[in-house]
Amino acid sequence: MAFSGFSDETLEFLAELADNNDRAWFAENRPRYERVLLERQKGFIAALAKEFEAIDPHVHCEPAVDRSIFRINRDTRFSRDKSPYKTHSDMWFWAGDDRKASPGYFVRIVPGEVWAGAGQHWIDPPKLAKLRAAIAAEDTGAEFAAIIADLEADGFRIGERTFARVPRGFAADHPRADLLRLSVVHAIEEGPVPPEFESEAFVGWCLERFLRTRPLVEWLAKNL
C-alpha cells in the first residue's frame, strides 16, 4: 500500500494494548492491529526503501515482520514480566549483511512519542573488543569521539554506558574513558509525535534524522 502516514488510531491502539495486555484482547483486535499499524508500517518502509536507493543502496528496508518490522509479541521465556505484547512498535533498517549484527537506523513508535536514530543494538564479545580497541586508538577514537560529541550537541541521547568502570586493559584516565564504558552504541532522538506522523512527510522527517546519524553508522560499519 502507498504510505499516507500513520494516525491517531495507531497511537490509540498501542495505548489500549498497554491497558489490555492479554492474548484474548489482542486476538479480538488483531484486524485493527493489522489495519492501523502493520499495514501502515509496510507502506512506510517501502517508501523509505525508495529514498535509501539513491542515498545508500546497502541499507536494508524490508517491509515484513522479522525483517524491518519487529514482532509485537514479547519473548517472555527469561523475563519476570510475562506480558505477551510490546506496547511500542520498532522498525529497523540495517546497513550490512547481517540483520542482527550490523549497524543501522531505527524508528520506535510509543504512545505519545516517536524515537528515531541509529546505532548497533547488539554487540557480541568479539565485536565489543573491536569497539573498545577502535575507541582507544588515537585516529579512530578521535573520530568516534567527535561524532558522538556532534550528535549529543544535536540533541541525540547516546547509549548505553552500562559498565561502571573503564574495562580491564585500559587506563582509568584514558582520554576517552567515558566512551570505553559503552556496551552498545546508539544515538536516539526522543520527542513528542511530530505533525508529519500523519502524512507521507513522515518519511522525510525520519530520513533527515537518519542522515544526521549516518556518520555513526559508517564508523561502526568500518570499525566493527
C-alpha atoms as a PDB file:
ATOM      1  CA  MET A   1       0.000   0.000   0.000  1.00  0.00           C
ATOM      2  CA  ALA A   2       1.113   3.575  -0.639  1.00  0.00           C
ATOM      3  CA  PHE A   3       2.129   5.369   2.519  1.00  0.00           C
ATOM      4  CA  SER A   4      -0.062   8.317   3.543  1.00  0.00           C
ATOM      5  CA  GLY A   5       1.013   8.489   7.168  1.00  0.00           C
ATOM      6  CA  PHE A   6       0.242   6.845  10.468  1.00  0.00           C
ATOM      7  CA  SER A   7      -2.698   8.146  12.510  1.00  0.00           C
ATOM      8  CA  ASP A   8      -4.175   8.806  15.934  1.00  0.00           C
ATOM      9  CA  GLU A   9      -5.610   5.295  15.657  1.00  0.00           C
ATOM     10  CA  THR A  10      -2.052   3.917  15.592  1.00  0.00           C
ATOM     11  CA  LEU A  11      -1.241   5.576  18.899  1.00  0.00           C
ATOM     12  CA  GLU A  12      -4.632   4.733  20.398  1.00  0.00           C
ATOM     13  CA  PHE A  13      -4.137   1.054  19.583  1.00  0.00           C
ATOM     14  CA  LEU A  14      -0.755   0.955  21.358  1.00  0.00           C
ATOM     15  CA  ALA A  15      -2.153   2.832  24.368  1.00  0.00           C
ATOM     16  CA  GLU A  16      -5.105   0.462  24.636  1.00  0.00           C
ATOM     17  CA  LEU A  17      -2.802  -2.525  24.269  1.00  0.00           C
ATOM     18  CA  ALA A  18      -0.845  -1.252  27.286  1.00  0.00           C
ATOM     19  CA  ASP A  19      -4.098  -1.330  29.286  1.00  0.00           C
ATOM     20  CA  ASN A  20      -5.240  -4.696  27.885  1.00  0.00           C
ATOM     21  CA  ASN A  21      -2.040  -6.666  27.502  1.00  0.00           C
ATOM     22  CA  ASP A  22      -3.518 -10.142  27.172  1.00  0.00           C
ATOM     23  CA  ARG A  23      -3.969 -12.653  24.380  1.00  0.00           C
ATOM     24  CA  ALA A  24      -7.770 -12.573  24.314  1.00  0.00           C
ATOM     25  CA  TRP A  25      -7.897  -8.792  23.797  1.00  0.00           C
ATOM     26  CA  PHE A  26      -5.218  -8.923  21.111  1.00  0.00           C
ATOM     27  CA  ALA A  27      -6.932 -11.777  19.263  1.00  0.00           C
ATOM     28  CA  GLU A  28     -10.126  -9.738  19.152  1.00  0.00           C
ATOM     29  CA  ASN A  29      -8.232  -6.636  17.999  1.00  0.00           C
ATOM     30  CA  ARG A  30      -5.800  -8.288  15.578  1.00  0.00           C
ATOM     31  CA  PRO A  31      -7.603  -6.931  12.475  1.00  0.00           C
ATOM     32  CA  ARG A  32      -7.292  -3.469  13.965  1.00  0.00           C
ATOM     33  CA  TYR A  33      -3.554  -4.021  14.654  1.00  0.00           C
ATOM     34  CA  GLU A  34      -3.028  -5.047  11.050  1.00  0.00           C
ATOM     35  CA  ARG A  35      -5.011  -2.094   9.703  1.00  0.00           C
ATOM     36  CA  VAL A  36      -3.755   0.817  11.821  1.00  0.00           C
ATOM     37  CA  LEU A  37      -0.185  -0.308  12.476  1.00  0.00           C
ATOM     38  CA  LEU A  38       1.203  -3.230  10.477  1.00  0.00           C
ATOM     39  CA  GLU A  39      -0.063  -2.245   7.025  1.00  0.00           C
ATOM     40  CA  ARG A  40       0.984   1.362   7.546  1.00  0.00           C
ATOM     41  CA  GLN A  41       4.448   0.203   8.629  1.00  0.00           C
ATOM     42  CA  LYS A  42       4.785  -1.795   5.424  1.00  0.00           C
ATOM     43  CA  GLY A  43       3.875   1.256   3.370  1.00  0.00           C
ATOM     44  CA  PHE A  44       6.276   3.459   5.307  1.00  0.00           C
ATOM     45  CA  ILE A  45       9.156   1.010   4.849  1.00  0.00           C
ATOM     46  CA  ALA A  46       8.511   0.612   1.125  1.00  0.00           C
ATOM     47  CA  ALA A  47       8.549   4.413   0.727  1.00  0.00           C
ATOM     48  CA  LEU A  48      11.724   4.701   2.807  1.00  0.00           C
ATOM     49  CA  ALA A  49      13.404   2.000   0.708  1.00  0.00           C
ATOM     50  CA  LYS A  50      12.946   4.147  -2.399  1.00  0.00           C
ATOM     51  CA  GLU A  51      14.655   7.066  -0.654  1.00  0.00           C
ATOM     52  CA  PHE A  52      17.582   4.946   0.502  1.00  0.00           C
ATOM     53  CA  GLU A  53      18.115   3.560  -3.020  1.00  0.00           C
ATOM     54  CA  ALA A  54      19.509   6.949  -4.002  1.00  0.00           C
ATOM     55  CA  ILE A  55      21.437   7.551  -0.756  1.00  0.00           C
ATOM     56  CA  ASP A  56      22.818   4.167   0.271  1.00  0.00           C
ATOM     57  CA  PRO A  57      21.524   1.052  -1.535  1.00  0.00           C
ATOM     58  CA  HIS A  58      23.270  -1.166   1.038  1.00  0.00           C
ATOM     59  CA  VAL A  59      20.659  -0.236   3.670  1.00  0.00           C
ATOM     60  CA  HIS A  60      18.005  -2.929   4.014  1.00  0.00           C
ATOM     61  CA  CYS A  61      14.418  -1.659   4.234  1.00  0.00           C
ATOM     62  CA  GLU A  62      12.309  -4.823   4.094  1.00  0.00           C
ATOM     63  CA  PRO A  63       8.559  -4.405   4.782  1.00  0.00           C
ATOM     64  CA  ALA A  64       7.926  -7.656   6.643  1.00  0.00           C
ATOM     65  CA  VAL A  65       7.744  -8.907  10.219  1.00  0.00           C
ATOM     66  CA  ASP A  66      11.108 -10.265  11.394  1.00  0.00           C
ATOM     67  CA  ARG A  67      12.828  -8.120   8.793  1.00  0.00           C
ATOM     68  CA  SER A  68      12.395  -4.342   9.168  1.00  0.00           C
ATOM     69  CA  ILE A  69       9.329  -4.787  11.392  1.00  0.00           C
ATOM     70  CA  PHE A  70       9.896  -6.212  14.852  1.00  0.00           C
ATOM     71  CA  ARG A  71       7.351  -8.653  16.213  1.00  0.00           C
ATOM     72  CA  ILE A  72       4.740  -7.180  18.546  1.00  0.00           C
ATOM     73  CA  ASN A  73       4.981 -10.367  20.634  1.00  0.00           C
ATOM     74  CA  ARG A  74       7.393 -10.282  23.565  1.00  0.00           C
ATOM     75  CA  ASP A  75       9.852 -13.086  24.286  1.00  0.00           C
ATOM     76  CA  THR A  76       8.884 -13.870  27.877  1.00  0.00           C
ATOM     77  CA  ARG A  77      10.958 -17.015  28.371  1.00  0.00           C
ATOM     78  CA  PHE A  78      13.617 -15.358  30.516  1.00  0.00           C
ATOM     79  CA  SER A  79      11.660 -12.358  31.802  1.00  0.00           C
ATOM     80  CA  ARG A  80       9.776 -11.851  35.029  1.00  0.00           C
ATOM     81  CA  ASP A  81       7.341  -9.702  33.057  1.00  0.00           C
ATOM     82  CA  LYS A  82       5.053 -12.194  31.319  1.00  0.00           C
ATOM     83  CA  SER A  83       3.046  -9.577  29.415  1.00  0.00           C
ATOM     84  CA  PRO A  84       2.668 -11.157  25.978  1.00  0.00           C
ATOM     85  CA  TYR A  85       2.897  -7.992  23.850  1.00  0.00           C
ATOM     86  CA  LYS A  86       5.123  -4.962  23.459  1.00  0.00           C
ATOM     87  CA  THR A  87       3.407  -1.627  23.958  1.00  0.00           C
ATOM     88  CA  HIS A  88       5.659   0.087  21.418  1.00  0.00           C
ATOM     89  CA  SER A  89       6.500  -0.766  17.827  1.00  0.00           C
ATOM     90  CA  ASP A  90      10.008  -0.854  16.344  1.00  0.00           C
ATOM     91  CA  MET A  91      11.317  -0.695  12.780  1.00  0.00           C
ATOM     92  CA  TRP A  92      14.937  -1.440  11.863  1.00  0.00           C
ATOM     93  CA  PHE A  93      16.943  -0.677   8.706  1.00  0.00           C
ATOM     94  CA  TRP A  94      20.344  -2.330   8.753  1.00  0.00           C
ATOM     95  CA  ALA A  95      23.456  -1.376   6.793  1.00  0.00           C
ATOM     96  CA  GLY A  96      25.198  -4.688   6.162  1.00  0.00           C
ATOM     97  CA  ASP A  97      24.622  -8.359   5.502  1.00  0.00           C
ATOM     98  CA  ASP A  98      23.603  -9.435   8.996  1.00  0.00           C
ATOM     99  CA  ARG A  99      20.297  -8.053  10.277  1.00  0.00           C
ATOM    100  CA  LYS A 100      21.195  -8.616  13.923  1.00  0.00           C
ATOM    101  CA  ALA A 101      24.914  -7.788  13.971  1.00  0.00           C
ATOM    102  CA  SER A 102      25.055  -4.829  11.541  1.00  0.00           C
ATOM    103  CA  PRO A 103      24.654  -1.164  12.428  1.00  0.00           C
ATOM    104  CA  GLY A 104      21.612   0.624  11.115  1.00  0.00           C
ATOM    105  CA  TYR A 105      18.745   3.044  11.627  1.00  0.00           C
ATOM    106  CA  PHE A 106      15.551   2.646  13.621  1.00  0.00           C
ATOM    107  CA  VAL A 107      12.186   4.165  14.471  1.00  0.00           C
ATOM    108  CA  ARG A 108      10.168   3.434  17.600  1.00  0.00           C
ATOM    109  CA  ILE A 109       6.503   4.415  17.939  1.00  0.00           C
ATOM    110  CA  VAL A 110       5.362   4.858  21.542  1.00  0.00           C
ATOM    111  CA  PRO A 111       2.011   6.261  22.675  1.00  0.00           C
ATOM    112  CA  GLY A 112       2.700   9.996  22.721  1.00  0.00           C
ATOM    113  CA  GLU A 113       6.258   9.754  21.389  1.00  0.00           C
ATOM    114  CA  VAL A 114       8.379   8.886  18.371  1.00  0.00           C
ATOM    115  CA  TRP A 115      12.025   7.871  18.646  1.00  0.00           C
ATOM    116  CA  ALA A 116      14.406   7.945  15.688  1.00  0.00           C
ATOM    117  CA  GLY A 117      18.111   7.298  15.433  1.00  0.00           C
ATOM    118  CA  ALA A 118      20.870   4.887  14.596  1.00  0.00           C
ATOM    119  CA  GLY A 119      23.457   2.578  16.053  1.00  0.00           C
ATOM    120  CA  GLN A 120      24.243  -1.037  16.785  1.00  0.00           C
ATOM    121  CA  HIS A 121      21.927  -2.583  19.343  1.00  0.00           C
ATOM    122  CA  TRP A 122      23.625  -5.978  19.627  1.00  0.00           C
ATOM    123  CA  ILE A 123      27.402  -6.300  20.047  1.00  0.00           C
ATOM    124  CA  ASP A 124      28.843  -9.738  20.804  1.00  0.00           C
ATOM    125  CA  PRO A 125      32.082 -10.101  22.839  1.00  0.00           C
ATOM    126  CA  PRO A 126      34.446 -10.180  19.808  1.00  0.00           C
ATOM    127  CA  LYS A 127      32.871  -7.020  18.376  1.00  0.00           C
ATOM    128  CA  LEU A 128      32.851  -5.378  21.788  1.00  0.00           C
ATOM    129  CA  ALA A 129      36.611  -5.955  21.959  1.00  0.00           C
ATOM    130  CA  LYS A 130      36.972  -4.370  18.497  1.00  0.00           C
ATOM    131  CA  LEU A 131      34.812  -1.430  19.568  1.00  0.00           C
ATOM    132  CA  ARG A 132      36.994  -0.753  22.601  1.00  0.00           C
ATOM    133  CA  ALA A 133      40.202  -1.061  20.597  1.00  0.00           C
ATOM    134  CA  ALA A 134      38.871   1.382  17.994  1.00  0.00           C
ATOM    135  CA  ILE A 135      37.767   3.860  20.674  1.00  0.00           C
ATOM    136  CA  ALA A 136      41.155   3.617  22.411  1.00  0.00           C
ATOM    137  CA  ALA A 137      43.179   4.055  19.207  1.00  0.00           C
ATOM    138  CA  GLU A 138      44.168   7.647  18.524  1.00  0.00           C
ATOM    139  CA  ASP A 139      42.847   8.067  14.971  1.00  0.00           C
ATOM    140  CA  THR A 140      39.625   6.033  15.068  1.00  0.00           C
ATOM    141  CA  GLY A 141      38.952   7.023  18.676  1.00  0.00           C
ATOM    142  CA  ALA A 142      39.243  10.722  17.996  1.00  0.00           C
ATOM    143  CA  GLU A 143      36.887  10.366  15.033  1.00  0.00           C
ATOM    144  CA  PHE A 144      34.369   8.454  17.140  1.00  0.00           C
ATOM    145  CA  ALA A 145      34.529  10.999  19.969  1.00  0.00           C
ATOM    146  CA  ALA A 146      33.908  13.839  17.511  1.00  0.00           C
ATOM    147  CA  ILE A 147      30.884  12.046  16.023  1.00  0.00           C
ATOM    148  CA  ILE A 148      29.432  11.407  19.483  1.00  0.00           C
ATOM    149  CA  ALA A 149      30.029  14.998  20.581  1.00  0.00           C
ATOM    150  CA  ASP A 150      28.298  16.338  17.473  1.00  0.00           C
ATOM    151  CA  LEU A 151      25.287  14.063  17.996  1.00  0.00           C
ATOM    152  CA  GLU A 152      24.969  14.953  21.672  1.00  0.00           C
ATOM    153  CA  ALA A 153      25.140  18.648  20.790  1.00  0.00           C
ATOM    154  CA  ASP A 154      22.395  17.978  18.233  1.00  0.00           C
ATOM    155  CA  GLY A 155      20.105  16.573  20.920  1.00  0.00           C
ATOM    156  CA  PHE A 156      20.631  12.844  20.490  1.00  0.00           C
ATOM    157  CA  ARG A 157      20.906  10.604  23.550  1.00  0.00           C
ATOM    158  CA  ILE A 158      23.915   8.296  23.379  1.00  0.00           C
ATOM    159  CA  GLY A 159      23.821   4.852  24.953  1.00  0.00           C
ATOM    160  CA  GLU A 160      24.443   2.658  26.664  1.00  0.00           C
ATOM    161  CA  ARG A 161      27.221   3.259  29.209  1.00  0.00           C
ATOM    162  CA  THR A 162      26.358   0.213  31.280  1.00  0.00           C
ATOM    163  CA  PHE A 163      29.865  -0.500  32.585  1.00  0.00           C
ATOM    164  CA  ALA A 164      30.561   1.252  35.890  1.00  0.00           C
ATOM    165  CA  ARG A 165      34.316   1.347  35.278  1.00  0.00           C
ATOM    166  CA  VAL A 166      36.729   1.506  32.388  1.00  0.00           C
ATOM    167  CA  PRO A 167      37.229  -2.084  31.173  1.00  0.00           C
ATOM    168  CA  ARG A 168      40.298  -4.023  32.242  1.00  0.00           C
ATOM    169  CA  GLY A 169      43.294  -3.388  29.997  1.00  0.00           C
ATOM    170  CA  PHE A 170      42.577   0.333  29.537  1.00  0.00           C
ATOM    171  CA  ALA A 171      43.843   3.157  31.707  1.00  0.00           C
ATOM    172  CA  ALA A 172      41.268   4.629  34.093  1.00  0.00           C
ATOM    173  CA  ASP A 173      42.387   8.102  32.991  1.00  0.00           C
ATOM    174  CA  HIS A 174      42.204   7.328  29.252  1.00  0.00           C
ATOM    175  CA  PRO A 175      41.047  10.492  27.409  1.00  0.00           C
ATOM    176  CA  ARG A 176      38.027   8.520  26.120  1.00  0.00           C
ATOM    177  CA  ALA A 177      37.401   6.568  29.331  1.00  0.00           C
ATOM    178  CA  ASP A 178      33.716   7.510  29.339  1.00  0.00           C
ATOM    179  CA  LEU A 179      33.199   6.102  25.835  1.00  0.00           C
ATOM    180  CA  LEU A 180      35.047   2.902  26.731  1.00  0.00           C
ATOM    181  CA  ARG A 181      32.183   2.141  29.139  1.00  0.00           C
ATOM    182  CA  LEU A 182      29.722   1.702  26.255  1.00  0.00           C
ATOM    183  CA  SER A 183      28.221  -1.772  25.852  1.00  0.00           C
ATOM    184  CA  VAL A 184      26.054  -0.883  22.848  1.00  0.00           C
ATOM    185  CA  VAL A 185      26.146   2.219  20.696  1.00  0.00           C
ATOM    186  CA  HIS A 186      23.120   4.191  19.628  1.00  0.00           C
ATOM    187  CA  ALA A 187      22.074   7.790  19.129  1.00  0.00           C
ATOM    188  CA  ILE A 188      18.379   8.403  19.774  1.00  0.00           C
ATOM    189  CA  GLU A 189      16.215  11.473  19.361  1.00  0.00           C
ATOM    190  CA  GLU A 190      13.162  11.100  21.599  1.00  0.00           C
ATOM    191  CA  GLY A 191      10.278  13.513  21.462  1.00  0.00           C
ATOM    192  CA  PRO A 192       6.568  14.101  21.049  1.00  0.00           C
ATOM    193  CA  VAL A 193       4.790  12.788  17.999  1.00  0.00           C
ATOM    194  CA  PRO A 194       5.602  15.231  15.172  1.00  0.00           C
ATOM    195  CA  PRO A 195       2.904  16.702  12.917  1.00  0.00           C
ATOM    196  CA  GLU A 196       4.458  14.801   9.984  1.00  0.00           C
ATOM    197  CA  PHE A 197       3.498  11.493  11.620  1.00  0.00           C
ATOM    198  CA  GLU A 198       0.064  11.548   9.986  1.00  0.00           C
ATOM    199  CA  SER A 199       1.221  12.207   6.433  1.00  0.00           C
ATOM    200  CA  GLU A 200       3.667  10.944   3.810  1.00  0.00           C
ATOM    201  CA  ALA A 201       6.045  13.653   5.094  1.00  0.00           C
ATOM    202  CA  PHE A 202       6.943  11.324   7.975  1.00  0.00           C
ATOM    203  CA  VAL A 203       9.312   9.506   5.604  1.00  0.00           C
ATOM    204  CA  GLY A 204      11.312  12.690   5.099  1.00  0.00           C
ATOM    205  CA  TRP A 205      11.152  13.530   8.810  1.00  0.00           C
ATOM    206  CA  CYS A 206      12.771  10.189   9.676  1.00  0.00           C
ATOM    207  CA  LEU A 207      15.241  10.334   6.801  1.00  0.00           C
ATOM    208  CA  GLU A 208      16.503  13.723   7.954  1.00  0.00           C
ATOM    209  CA  ARG A 209      17.366  12.202  11.345  1.00  0.00           C
ATOM    210  CA  PHE A 210      18.955   9.176   9.736  1.00  0.00           C
ATOM    211  CA  LEU A 211      21.223  11.394   7.660  1.00  0.00           C
ATOM    212  CA  ARG A 212      22.325  13.256  10.790  1.00  0.00           C
ATOM    213  CA  THR A 213      23.287   9.936  12.392  1.00  0.00           C
ATOM    214  CA  ARG A 214      24.831   8.471   9.252  1.00  0.00           C
ATOM    215  CA  PRO A 215      28.449   9.222  10.325  1.00  0.00           C
ATOM    216  CA  LEU A 216      27.910   6.953  13.344  1.00  0.00           C
ATOM    217  CA  VAL A 217      26.603   4.107  11.195  1.00  0.00           C
ATOM    218  CA  GLU A 218      29.520   4.472   8.771  1.00  0.00           C
ATOM    219  CA  TRP A 219      32.057   4.482  11.629  1.00  0.00           C
ATOM    220  CA  LEU A 220      30.534   1.339  13.154  1.00  0.00           C
ATOM    221  CA  ALA A 221      30.431  -0.464   9.800  1.00  0.00           C
ATOM    222  CA  LYS A 222      34.086   0.376   9.176  1.00  0.00           C
ATOM    223  CA  ASN A 223      35.463  -0.466  12.609  1.00  0.00           C
ATOM    224  CA  LEU A 224      33.463  -3.444  13.908  1.00  0.00           C
END
